[in-house]
Amino acid sequence: MKESLSEAVYEIVRLIPRGRATSYGAIAKAVGYPNQSRMIGRIMGECPSKDIPAHRVVNSQGLLSGKDCFETPTLMQELLSAEDVIVNNNKIQNWKTIFWNPIEELDF
C-alpha cells in the first residue's frame, strides 16, 4: 500500500506547474488521506528521483519546512527562485497566488 500511495503522491507532485507550489495537506486530501499531511511530508522526504519537483511542496502557510531534505539547506529556495517564486525568511511570498490546489486543478 505504501508504495502505491507514494507513487500517487509523486504523480501529483509531477503535475504541479512551474512557478506554483502546493502543501502537504492539499496532497493528502487529493490522495484520500485528509489530516495526514505529516505522512505526505515523510513520503516527500524520501523522494527518490530528480524528476519529481519536490521543491514545490511546502507546509500550509508556504513555509519551506522540507528544506533540510535537500542536498543543501538553500537548494529548495534556489529552485523556487529559479521559477520566479519569491521566498523571504523561508516562506513563499504571495502564497495564496502561488498555491496550486490539486483537487481544484485535477479531476478528482
PDB file of N, CA and C in Angstrom:
ATOM      1  N   MET A   1       0.831  -1.211   0.000  1.00  0.00           N
ATOM      2  CA  MET A   1       0.000   0.000   0.000  1.00  0.00           C
ATOM      3  C   MET A   1       0.863   1.258   0.000  1.00  0.00           C
ATOM      4  N   LYS A   2       1.902   1.276   0.834  1.00  0.00           N
ATOM      5  CA  LYS A   2       2.726   2.479   0.935  1.00  0.00           C
ATOM      6  C   LYS A   2       3.339   2.844  -0.412  1.00  0.00           C
ATOM      7  N   GLU A   3       3.806   1.822  -1.166  1.00  0.00           N
ATOM      8  CA  GLU A   3       4.425   2.136  -2.446  1.00  0.00           C
ATOM      9  C   GLU A   3       3.421   2.754  -3.413  1.00  0.00           C
ATOM     10  N   SER A   4       2.191   2.253  -3.434  1.00  0.00           N
ATOM     11  CA  SER A   4       1.202   2.837  -4.331  1.00  0.00           C
ATOM     12  C   SER A   4       0.801   4.238  -3.854  1.00  0.00           C
ATOM     13  N   LEU A   5       0.754   4.442  -2.539  1.00  0.00           N
ATOM     14  CA  LEU A   5       0.477   5.779  -2.017  1.00  0.00           C
ATOM     15  C   LEU A   5       1.607   6.730  -2.387  1.00  0.00           C
ATOM     16  N   SER A   6       2.829   6.282  -2.210  1.00  0.00           N
ATOM     17  CA  SER A   6       3.976   7.113  -2.576  1.00  0.00           C
ATOM     18  C   SER A   6       3.924   7.492  -4.046  1.00  0.00           C
ATOM     19  N   GLU A   7       3.617   6.516  -4.898  1.00  0.00           N
ATOM     20  CA  GLU A   7       3.538   6.800  -6.332  1.00  0.00           C
ATOM     21  C   GLU A   7       2.419   7.793  -6.635  1.00  0.00           C
ATOM     22  N   ALA A   8       1.278   7.680  -5.952  1.00  0.00           N
ATOM     23  CA  ALA A   8       0.180   8.631  -6.149  1.00  0.00           C
ATOM     24  C   ALA A   8       0.616  10.038  -5.748  1.00  0.00           C
ATOM     25  N   VAL A   9       1.330  10.135  -4.642  1.00  0.00           N
ATOM     26  CA  VAL A   9       1.843  11.439  -4.180  1.00  0.00           C
ATOM     27  C   VAL A   9       2.806  12.000  -5.208  1.00  0.00           C
ATOM     28  N   TYR A  10       3.772  11.201  -5.648  1.00  0.00           N
ATOM     29  CA  TYR A  10       4.765  11.688  -6.604  1.00  0.00           C
ATOM     30  C   TYR A  10       4.134  12.064  -7.938  1.00  0.00           C
ATOM     31  N   GLU A  11       3.076  11.345  -8.330  1.00  0.00           N
ATOM     32  CA  GLU A  11       2.390  11.682  -9.584  1.00  0.00           C
ATOM     33  C   GLU A  11       1.750  13.068  -9.487  1.00  0.00           C
ATOM     34  N   ILE A  12       1.139  13.373  -8.362  1.00  0.00           N
ATOM     35  CA  ILE A  12       0.565  14.713  -8.166  1.00  0.00           C
ATOM     36  C   ILE A  12       1.657  15.771  -8.171  1.00  0.00           C
ATOM     37  N   VAL A  13       2.750  15.492  -7.497  1.00  0.00           N
ATOM     38  CA  VAL A  13       3.844  16.477  -7.426  1.00  0.00           C
ATOM     39  C   VAL A  13       4.408  16.750  -8.816  1.00  0.00           C
ATOM     40  N   ARG A  14       4.472  15.727  -9.653  1.00  0.00           N
ATOM     41  CA  ARG A  14       4.953  15.930 -11.029  1.00  0.00           C
ATOM     42  C   ARG A  14       4.046  16.874 -11.816  1.00  0.00           C
ATOM     43  N   LEU A  15       2.790  16.990 -11.418  1.00  0.00           N
ATOM     44  CA  LEU A  15       1.824  17.821 -12.146  1.00  0.00           C
ATOM     45  C   LEU A  15       1.805  19.287 -11.695  1.00  0.00           C
ATOM     46  N   ILE A  16       2.487  19.598 -10.589  1.00  0.00           N
ATOM     47  CA  ILE A  16       2.488  20.981 -10.101  1.00  0.00           C
ATOM     48  C   ILE A  16       3.179  21.853 -11.143  1.00  0.00           C
ATOM     49  N   PRO A  17       2.505  22.878 -11.633  1.00  0.00           N
ATOM     50  CA  PRO A  17       3.113  23.714 -12.673  1.00  0.00           C
ATOM     51  C   PRO A  17       4.334  24.489 -12.164  1.00  0.00           C
ATOM     52  N   ARG A  18       5.218  24.756 -13.077  1.00  0.00           N
ATOM     53  CA  ARG A  18       6.391  25.590 -12.789  1.00  0.00           C
ATOM     54  C   ARG A  18       5.912  26.932 -12.263  1.00  0.00           C
ATOM     55  N   GLY A  19       6.550  27.430 -11.210  1.00  0.00           N
ATOM     56  CA  GLY A  19       6.176  28.716 -10.631  1.00  0.00           C
ATOM     57  C   GLY A  19       5.018  28.639  -9.650  1.00  0.00           C
ATOM     58  N   ARG A  20       4.562  27.442  -9.351  1.00  0.00           N
ATOM     59  CA  ARG A  20       3.473  27.233  -8.399  1.00  0.00           C
ATOM     60  C   ARG A  20       3.957  26.268  -7.328  1.00  0.00           C
ATOM     61  N   ALA A  21       3.206  26.143  -6.247  1.00  0.00           N
ATOM     62  CA  ALA A  21       3.549  25.220  -5.164  1.00  0.00           C
ATOM     63  C   ALA A  21       2.266  24.757  -4.501  1.00  0.00           C
ATOM     64  N   THR A  22       2.351  23.660  -3.791  1.00  0.00           N
ATOM     65  CA  THR A  22       1.212  23.145  -3.050  1.00  0.00           C
ATOM     66  C   THR A  22       1.670  22.735  -1.665  1.00  0.00           C
ATOM     67  N   SER A  23       0.714  22.287  -0.865  1.00  0.00           N
ATOM     68  CA  SER A  23       1.039  21.912   0.517  1.00  0.00           C
ATOM     69  C   SER A  23       0.906  20.406   0.712  1.00  0.00           C
ATOM     70  N   TYR A  24       1.533  19.928   1.765  1.00  0.00           N
ATOM     71  CA  TYR A  24       1.418  18.520   2.134  1.00  0.00           C
ATOM     72  C   TYR A  24      -0.057  18.165   2.368  1.00  0.00           C
ATOM     73  N   GLY A  25      -0.774  19.058   3.027  1.00  0.00           N
ATOM     74  CA  GLY A  25      -2.179  18.822   3.329  1.00  0.00           C
ATOM     75  C   GLY A  25      -3.042  18.734   2.088  1.00  0.00           C
ATOM     76  N   ALA A  26      -2.780  19.580   1.100  1.00  0.00           N
ATOM     77  CA  ALA A  26      -3.548  19.537  -0.147  1.00  0.00           C
ATOM     78  C   ALA A  26      -3.317  18.218  -0.876  1.00  0.00           C
ATOM     79  N   ILE A  27      -2.085  17.747  -0.859  1.00  0.00           N
ATOM     80  CA  ILE A  27      -1.786  16.457  -1.481  1.00  0.00           C
ATOM     81  C   ILE A  27      -2.470  15.339  -0.701  1.00  0.00           C
ATOM     82  N   ALA A  28      -2.428  15.424   0.633  1.00  0.00           N
ATOM     83  CA  ALA A  28      -3.077  14.407   1.470  1.00  0.00           C
ATOM     84  C   ALA A  28      -4.560  14.294   1.134  1.00  0.00           C
ATOM     85  N   LYS A  29      -5.230  15.418   0.996  1.00  0.00           N
ATOM     86  CA  LYS A  29      -6.655  15.394   0.630  1.00  0.00           C
ATOM     87  C   LYS A  29      -6.852  14.795  -0.751  1.00  0.00           C
ATOM     88  N   ALA A  30      -5.974  15.154  -1.690  1.00  0.00           N
ATOM     89  CA  ALA A  30      -6.119  14.688  -3.069  1.00  0.00           C
ATOM     90  C   ALA A  30      -5.943  13.177  -3.196  1.00  0.00           C
ATOM     91  N   VAL A  31      -5.109  12.588  -2.330  1.00  0.00           N
ATOM     92  CA  VAL A  31      -4.893  11.138  -2.415  1.00  0.00           C
ATOM     93  C   VAL A  31      -5.803  10.357  -1.471  1.00  0.00           C
ATOM     94  N   GLY A  32      -6.727  11.068  -0.806  1.00  0.00           N
ATOM     95  CA  GLY A  32      -7.707  10.394   0.034  1.00  0.00           C
ATOM     96  C   GLY A  32      -7.292  10.167   1.479  1.00  0.00           C
ATOM     97  N   TYR A  33      -6.286  10.907   1.924  1.00  0.00           N
ATOM     98  CA  TYR A  33      -5.825  10.799   3.306  1.00  0.00           C
ATOM     99  C   TYR A  33      -5.853  12.166   3.980  1.00  0.00           C
ATOM    100  N   PRO A  34      -7.026  12.778   4.103  1.00  0.00           N
ATOM    101  CA  PRO A  34      -7.086  14.085   4.770  1.00  0.00           C
ATOM    102  C   PRO A  34      -6.564  13.948   6.200  1.00  0.00           C
ATOM    103  N   ASN A  35      -6.000  14.996   6.704  1.00  0.00           N
ATOM    104  CA  ASN A  35      -5.417  15.022   8.055  1.00  0.00           C
ATOM    105  C   ASN A  35      -4.150  14.176   8.174  1.00  0.00           C
ATOM    106  N   GLN A  36      -3.550  13.808   7.070  1.00  0.00           N
ATOM    107  CA  GLN A  36      -2.319  13.018   7.094  1.00  0.00           C
ATOM    108  C   GLN A  36      -1.168  13.761   6.415  1.00  0.00           C
ATOM    109  N   SER A  37      -1.117  15.071   6.598  1.00  0.00           N
ATOM    110  CA  SER A  37      -0.073  15.853   5.931  1.00  0.00           C
ATOM    111  C   SER A  37       1.330  15.444   6.379  1.00  0.00           C
ATOM    112  N   ARG A  38       1.480  15.017   7.615  1.00  0.00           N
ATOM    113  CA  ARG A  38       2.805  14.584   8.074  1.00  0.00           C
ATOM    114  C   ARG A  38       3.268  13.332   7.339  1.00  0.00           C
ATOM    115  N   MET A  39       2.330  12.444   7.048  1.00  0.00           N
ATOM    116  CA  MET A  39       2.672  11.246   6.274  1.00  0.00           C
ATOM    117  C   MET A  39       3.150  11.656   4.882  1.00  0.00           C
ATOM    118  N   ILE A  40       2.482  12.630   4.285  1.00  0.00           N
ATOM    119  CA  ILE A  40       2.892  13.115   2.970  1.00  0.00           C
ATOM    120  C   ILE A  40       4.279  13.750   3.074  1.00  0.00           C
ATOM    121  N   GLY A  41       4.525  14.472   4.157  1.00  0.00           N
ATOM    122  CA  GLY A  41       5.851  15.055   4.386  1.00  0.00           C
ATOM    123  C   GLY A  41       6.933  13.993   4.454  1.00  0.00           C
ATOM    124  N   ARG A  42       6.640  12.893   5.121  1.00  0.00           N
ATOM    125  CA  ARG A  42       7.621  11.793   5.198  1.00  0.00           C
ATOM    126  C   ARG A  42       7.864  11.198   3.815  1.00  0.00           C
ATOM    127  N   ILE A  43       6.792  11.012   3.062  1.00  0.00           N
ATOM    128  CA  ILE A  43       6.935  10.483   1.705  1.00  0.00           C
ATOM    129  C   ILE A  43       7.792  11.427   0.863  1.00  0.00           C
ATOM    130  N   MET A  44       7.543  12.719   0.979  1.00  0.00           N
ATOM    131  CA  MET A  44       8.328  13.686   0.213  1.00  0.00           C
ATOM    132  C   MET A  44       9.790  13.702   0.679  1.00  0.00           C
ATOM    133  N   GLY A  45      10.012  13.474   1.959  1.00  0.00           N
ATOM    134  CA  GLY A  45      11.374  13.423   2.482  1.00  0.00           C
ATOM    135  C   GLY A  45      12.172  12.253   1.933  1.00  0.00           C
ATOM    136  N   GLU A  46      11.466  11.248   1.431  1.00  0.00           N
ATOM    137  CA  GLU A  46      12.107  10.073   0.843  1.00  0.00           C
ATOM    138  C   GLU A  46      12.090  10.120  -0.681  1.00  0.00           C
ATOM    139  N   CYS A  47      11.809  11.265  -1.232  1.00  0.00           N
ATOM    140  CA  CYS A  47      11.651  11.439  -2.673  1.00  0.00           C
ATOM    141  C   CYS A  47      12.867  10.864  -3.414  1.00  0.00           C
ATOM    142  N   PRO A  48      12.652   9.870  -4.263  1.00  0.00           N
ATOM    143  CA  PRO A  48      13.771   9.134  -4.847  1.00  0.00           C
ATOM    144  C   PRO A  48      14.350   9.700  -6.133  1.00  0.00           C
ATOM    145  N   SER A  49      13.680  10.638  -6.756  1.00  0.00           N
ATOM    146  CA  SER A  49      14.042  10.976  -8.121  1.00  0.00           C
ATOM    147  C   SER A  49      14.149  12.474  -8.354  1.00  0.00           C
ATOM    148  N   LYS A  50      15.068  12.821  -9.206  1.00  0.00           N
ATOM    149  CA  LYS A  50      15.248  14.232  -9.577  1.00  0.00           C
ATOM    150  C   LYS A  50      14.124  14.725 -10.494  1.00  0.00           C
ATOM    151  N   ASP A  51      13.356  13.811 -11.099  1.00  0.00           N
ATOM    152  CA  ASP A  51      12.278  14.253 -11.995  1.00  0.00           C
ATOM    153  C   ASP A  51      11.002  14.608 -11.237  1.00  0.00           C
ATOM    154  N   ILE A  52      11.054  14.545  -9.913  1.00  0.00           N
ATOM    155  CA  ILE A  52       9.918  14.926  -9.080  1.00  0.00           C
ATOM    156  C   ILE A  52      10.238  16.285  -8.463  1.00  0.00           C
ATOM    157  N   PRO A  53       9.483  17.328  -8.785  1.00  0.00           N
ATOM    158  CA  PRO A  53       9.807  18.676  -8.285  1.00  0.00           C
ATOM    159  C   PRO A  53       9.402  18.873  -6.819  1.00  0.00           C
ATOM    160  N   ALA A  54      10.098  18.179  -5.938  1.00  0.00           N
ATOM    161  CA  ALA A  54       9.786  18.196  -4.501  1.00  0.00           C
ATOM    162  C   ALA A  54       9.872  19.600  -3.903  1.00  0.00           C
ATOM    163  N   HIS A  55      10.635  20.476  -4.531  1.00  0.00           N
ATOM    164  CA  HIS A  55      10.773  21.848  -4.021  1.00  0.00           C
ATOM    165  C   HIS A  55       9.460  22.618  -4.078  1.00  0.00           C
ATOM    166  N   ARG A  56       8.488  22.111  -4.809  1.00  0.00           N
ATOM    167  CA  ARG A  56       7.196  22.784  -4.946  1.00  0.00           C
ATOM    168  C   ARG A  56       6.190  22.366  -3.881  1.00  0.00           C
ATOM    169  N   VAL A  57       6.620  21.592  -2.891  1.00  0.00           N
ATOM    170  CA  VAL A  57       5.720  21.136  -1.826  1.00  0.00           C
ATOM    171  C   VAL A  57       6.208  21.717  -0.499  1.00  0.00           C
ATOM    172  N   VAL A  58       5.327  22.485   0.140  1.00  0.00           N
ATOM    173  CA  VAL A  58       5.663  23.200   1.373  1.00  0.00           C
ATOM    174  C   VAL A  58       4.545  22.992   2.398  1.00  0.00           C
ATOM    175  N   ASN A  59       4.665  23.622   3.555  1.00  0.00           N
ATOM    176  CA  ASN A  59       3.581  23.461   4.536  1.00  0.00           C
ATOM    177  C   ASN A  59       2.410  24.385   4.205  1.00  0.00           C
ATOM    178  N   SER A  60       1.379  24.310   4.976  1.00  0.00           N
ATOM    179  CA  SER A  60       0.123  25.007   4.650  1.00  0.00           C
ATOM    180  C   SER A  60       0.225  26.532   4.692  1.00  0.00           C
ATOM    181  N   GLN A  61       1.276  27.063   5.303  1.00  0.00           N
ATOM    182  CA  GLN A  61       1.490  28.512   5.328  1.00  0.00           C
ATOM    183  C   GLN A  61       2.501  28.974   4.276  1.00  0.00           C
ATOM    184  N   GLY A  62       3.008  28.034   3.491  1.00  0.00           N
ATOM    185  CA  GLY A  62       4.005  28.383   2.484  1.00  0.00           C
ATOM    186  C   GLY A  62       5.430  28.345   2.999  1.00  0.00           C
ATOM    187  N   LEU A  63       5.638  27.779   4.178  1.00  0.00           N
ATOM    188  CA  LEU A  63       6.988  27.667   4.741  1.00  0.00           C
ATOM    189  C   LEU A  63       7.734  26.497   4.111  1.00  0.00           C
ATOM    190  N   LEU A  64       9.017  26.694   3.874  1.00  0.00           N
ATOM    191  CA  LEU A  64       9.853  25.657   3.282  1.00  0.00           C
ATOM    192  C   LEU A  64      10.266  24.657   4.360  1.00  0.00           C
ATOM    193  N   SER A  65       9.309  23.968   4.904  1.00  0.00           N
ATOM    194  CA  SER A  65       9.561  23.069   6.032  1.00  0.00           C
ATOM    195  C   SER A  65      10.364  21.831   5.635  1.00  0.00           C
ATOM    196  N   GLY A  66      10.431  21.506   4.367  1.00  0.00           N
ATOM    197  CA  GLY A  66      11.189  20.340   3.915  1.00  0.00           C
ATOM    198  C   GLY A  66      12.574  20.653   3.414  1.00  0.00           C
ATOM    199  N   LYS A  67      13.047  21.857   3.633  1.00  0.00           N
ATOM    200  CA  LYS A  67      14.329  22.282   3.055  1.00  0.00           C
ATOM    201  C   LYS A  67      15.507  21.429   3.503  1.00  0.00           C
ATOM    202  N   ASP A  68      15.423  20.832   4.691  1.00  0.00           N
ATOM    203  CA  ASP A  68      16.532  20.025   5.188  1.00  0.00           C
ATOM    204  C   ASP A  68      16.660  18.684   4.470  1.00  0.00           C
ATOM    205  N   CYS A  69      15.678  18.323   3.658  1.00  0.00           N
ATOM    206  CA  CYS A  69      15.742  17.076   2.893  1.00  0.00           C
ATOM    207  C   CYS A  69      16.489  17.249   1.572  1.00  0.00           C
ATOM    208  N   PHE A  70      16.877  18.474   1.269  1.00  0.00           N
ATOM    209  CA  PHE A  70      17.592  18.749   0.028  1.00  0.00           C
ATOM    210  C   PHE A  70      19.095  18.688   0.260  1.00  0.00           C
ATOM    211  N   GLU A  71      19.856  18.635  -0.821  1.00  0.00           N
ATOM    212  CA  GLU A  71      21.306  18.482  -0.731  1.00  0.00           C
ATOM    213  C   GLU A  71      21.965  19.582   0.092  1.00  0.00           C
ATOM    214  N   THR A  72      21.457  20.801  -0.025  1.00  0.00           N
ATOM    215  CA  THR A  72      21.947  21.906   0.794  1.00  0.00           C
ATOM    216  C   THR A  72      20.733  22.603   1.404  1.00  0.00           C
ATOM    217  N   PRO A  73      20.923  23.319   2.519  1.00  0.00           N
ATOM    218  CA  PRO A  73      19.786  23.985   3.170  1.00  0.00           C
ATOM    219  C   PRO A  73      19.137  25.088   2.331  1.00  0.00           C
ATOM    220  N   THR A  74      19.836  25.555   1.301  1.00  0.00           N
ATOM    221  CA  THR A  74      19.291  26.643   0.482  1.00  0.00           C
ATOM    222  C   THR A  74      18.775  26.176  -0.881  1.00  0.00           C
ATOM    223  N   LEU A  75      18.959  24.905  -1.206  1.00  0.00           N
ATOM    224  CA  LEU A  75      18.611  24.430  -2.545  1.00  0.00           C
ATOM    225  C   LEU A  75      17.123  24.553  -2.847  1.00  0.00           C
ATOM    226  N   MET A  76      16.273  24.264  -1.883  1.00  0.00           N
ATOM    227  CA  MET A  76      14.828  24.365  -2.107  1.00  0.00           C
ATOM    228  C   MET A  76      14.452  25.789  -2.513  1.00  0.00           C
ATOM    229  N   GLN A  77      14.960  26.770  -1.781  1.00  0.00           N
ATOM    230  CA  GLN A  77      14.682  28.164  -2.109  1.00  0.00           C
ATOM    231  C   GLN A  77      15.281  28.532  -3.461  1.00  0.00           C
ATOM    232  N   GLU A  78      16.470  28.061  -3.756  1.00  0.00           N
ATOM    233  CA  GLU A  78      17.103  28.363  -5.038  1.00  0.00           C
ATOM    234  C   GLU A  78      16.272  27.826  -6.204  1.00  0.00           C
ATOM    235  N   LEU A  79      15.761  26.617  -6.059  1.00  0.00           N
ATOM    236  CA  LEU A  79      14.936  26.032  -7.117  1.00  0.00           C
ATOM    237  C   LEU A  79      13.631  26.807  -7.310  1.00  0.00           C
ATOM    238  N   LEU A  80      13.011  27.221  -6.204  1.00  0.00           N
ATOM    239  CA  LEU A  80      11.795  28.034  -6.307  1.00  0.00           C
ATOM    240  C   LEU A  80      12.096  29.394  -6.926  1.00  0.00           C
ATOM    241  N   SER A  81      13.178  30.000  -6.499  1.00  0.00           N
ATOM    242  CA  SER A  81      13.559  31.308  -7.043  1.00  0.00           C
ATOM    243  C   SER A  81      13.823  31.232  -8.541  1.00  0.00           C
ATOM    244  N   ALA A  82      14.389  30.130  -8.996  1.00  0.00           N
ATOM    245  CA  ALA A  82      14.635  29.940 -10.430  1.00  0.00           C
ATOM    246  C   ALA A  82      13.333  29.880 -11.216  1.00  0.00           C
ATOM    247  N   GLU A  83      12.229  29.628 -10.536  1.00  0.00           N
ATOM    248  CA  GLU A  83      10.903  29.602 -11.165  1.00  0.00           C
ATOM    249  C   GLU A  83      10.138  30.891 -10.877  1.00  0.00           C
ATOM    250  N   ASP A  84      10.856  31.916 -10.438  1.00  0.00           N
ATOM    251  CA  ASP A  84      10.281  33.234 -10.132  1.00  0.00           C
ATOM    252  C   ASP A  84       9.311  33.218  -8.957  1.00  0.00           C
ATOM    253  N   VAL A  85       9.483  32.259  -8.048  1.00  0.00           N
ATOM    254  CA  VAL A  85       8.715  32.230  -6.806  1.00  0.00           C
ATOM    255  C   VAL A  85       9.548  32.976  -5.767  1.00  0.00           C
ATOM    256  N   ILE A  86       8.978  34.013  -5.181  1.00  0.00           N
ATOM    257  CA  ILE A  86       9.701  34.832  -4.213  1.00  0.00           C
ATOM    258  C   ILE A  86       9.603  34.195  -2.833  1.00  0.00           C
ATOM    259  N   VAL A  87      10.773  33.984  -2.225  1.00  0.00           N
ATOM    260  CA  VAL A  87      10.852  33.386  -0.895  1.00  0.00           C
ATOM    261  C   VAL A  87      11.620  34.336   0.008  1.00  0.00           C
ATOM    262  N   ASN A  88      11.018  34.697   1.143  1.00  0.00           N
ATOM    263  CA  ASN A  88      11.687  35.513   2.166  1.00  0.00           C
ATOM    264  C   ASN A  88      11.570  34.804   3.496  1.00  0.00           C
ATOM    265  N   ASN A  89      12.683  34.706   4.215  1.00  0.00           N
ATOM    266  CA  ASN A  89      12.695  34.039   5.516  1.00  0.00           C
ATOM    267  C   ASN A  89      12.062  32.652   5.459  1.00  0.00           C
ATOM    268  N   ASN A  90      12.446  31.902   4.440  1.00  0.00           N
ATOM    269  CA  ASN A  90      11.969  30.528   4.243  1.00  0.00           C
ATOM    270  C   ASN A  90      10.459  30.415   4.045  1.00  0.00           C
ATOM    271  N   LYS A  91       9.826  31.478   3.562  1.00  0.00           N
ATOM    272  CA  LYS A  91       8.384  31.460   3.324  1.00  0.00           C
ATOM    273  C   LYS A  91       8.085  32.021   1.936  1.00  0.00           C
ATOM    274  N   ILE A  92       7.207  31.322   1.212  1.00  0.00           N
ATOM    275  CA  ILE A  92       6.793  31.795  -0.105  1.00  0.00           C
ATOM    276  C   ILE A  92       5.931  33.031   0.063  1.00  0.00           C
ATOM    277  N   GLN A  93       6.299  34.079  -0.645  1.00  0.00           N
ATOM    278  CA  GLN A  93       5.512  35.307  -0.639  1.00  0.00           C
ATOM    279  C   GLN A  93       4.344  35.135  -1.625  1.00  0.00           C
ATOM    280  N   ASN A  94       3.259  35.847  -1.372  1.00  0.00           N
ATOM    281  CA  ASN A  94       2.059  35.729  -2.216  1.00  0.00           C
ATOM    282  C   ASN A  94       1.573  34.284  -2.270  1.00  0.00           C
ATOM    283  N   TRP A  95       1.584  33.628  -1.114  1.00  0.00           N
ATOM    284  CA  TRP A  95       1.242  32.209  -1.033  1.00  0.00           C
ATOM    285  C   TRP A  95      -0.116  31.901  -1.658  1.00  0.00           C
ATOM    286  N   LYS A  96      -1.107  32.737  -1.419  1.00  0.00           N
ATOM    287  CA  LYS A  96      -2.447  32.455  -1.961  1.00  0.00           C
ATOM    288  C   LYS A  96      -2.451  32.458  -3.488  1.00  0.00           C
ATOM    289  N   THR A  97      -1.584  33.241  -4.090  1.00  0.00           N
ATOM    290  CA  THR A  97      -1.479  33.295  -5.552  1.00  0.00           C
ATOM    291  C   THR A  97      -0.661  32.115  -6.081  1.00  0.00           C
ATOM    292  N   ILE A  98       0.381  31.751  -5.372  1.00  0.00           N
ATOM    293  CA  ILE A  98       1.282  30.675  -5.798  1.00  0.00           C
ATOM    294  C   ILE A  98       0.661  29.301  -5.550  1.00  0.00           C
ATOM    295  N   PHE A  99      -0.190  29.191  -4.537  1.00  0.00           N
ATOM    296  CA  PHE A  99      -0.759  27.902  -4.143  1.00  0.00           C
ATOM    297  C   PHE A  99      -1.511  27.243  -5.286  1.00  0.00           C
ATOM    298  N   TRP A 100      -1.202  25.967  -5.518  1.00  0.00           N
ATOM    299  CA  TRP A 100      -1.850  25.149  -6.532  1.00  0.00           C
ATOM    300  C   TRP A 100      -2.599  24.046  -5.808  1.00  0.00           C
ATOM    301  N   ASN A 101      -3.909  24.006  -5.972  1.00  0.00           N
ATOM    302  CA  ASN A 101      -4.734  23.024  -5.284  1.00  0.00           C
ATOM    303  C   ASN A 101      -5.019  21.859  -6.227  1.00  0.00           C
ATOM    304  N   PRO A 102      -4.439  20.685  -5.955  1.00  0.00           N
ATOM    305  CA  PRO A 102      -4.645  19.568  -6.886  1.00  0.00           C
ATOM    306  C   PRO A 102      -6.100  19.136  -7.022  1.00  0.00           C
ATOM    307  N   ILE A 103      -6.887  19.294  -5.983  1.00  0.00           N
ATOM    308  CA  ILE A 103      -8.290  18.889  -6.063  1.00  0.00           C
ATOM    309  C   ILE A 103      -9.061  19.791  -7.032  1.00  0.00           C
ATOM    310  N   GLU A 104      -8.760  21.070  -7.024  1.00  0.00           N
ATOM    311  CA  GLU A 104      -9.436  22.006  -7.943  1.00  0.00           C
ATOM    312  C   GLU A 104      -8.874  21.906  -9.369  1.00  0.00           C
ATOM    313  N   GLU A 105      -7.578  21.667  -9.470  1.00  0.00           N
ATOM    314  CA  GLU A 105      -6.923  21.693 -10.776  1.00  0.00           C
ATOM    315  C   GLU A 105      -7.049  20.384 -11.547  1.00  0.00           C
ATOM    316  N   LEU A 106      -7.189  19.289 -10.815  1.00  0.00           N
ATOM    317  CA  LEU A 106      -7.301  17.980 -11.442  1.00  0.00           C
ATOM    318  C   LEU A 106      -8.718  17.473 -11.262  1.00  0.00           C
ATOM    319  N   ASP A 107      -9.088  16.496 -12.002  1.00  0.00           N
ATOM    320  CA  ASP A 107     -10.453  15.977 -11.938  1.00  0.00           C
ATOM    321  C   ASP A 107     -10.521  14.833 -10.933  1.00  0.00           C
ATOM    322  N   PHE A 108     -10.627  15.181  -9.639  1.00  0.00           N
ATOM    323  CA  PHE A 108     -10.703  14.161  -8.575  1.00  0.00           C
ATOM    324  C   PHE A 108     -12.137  13.923  -8.187  1.00  0.00           C
TER     325      PHE A 108
END
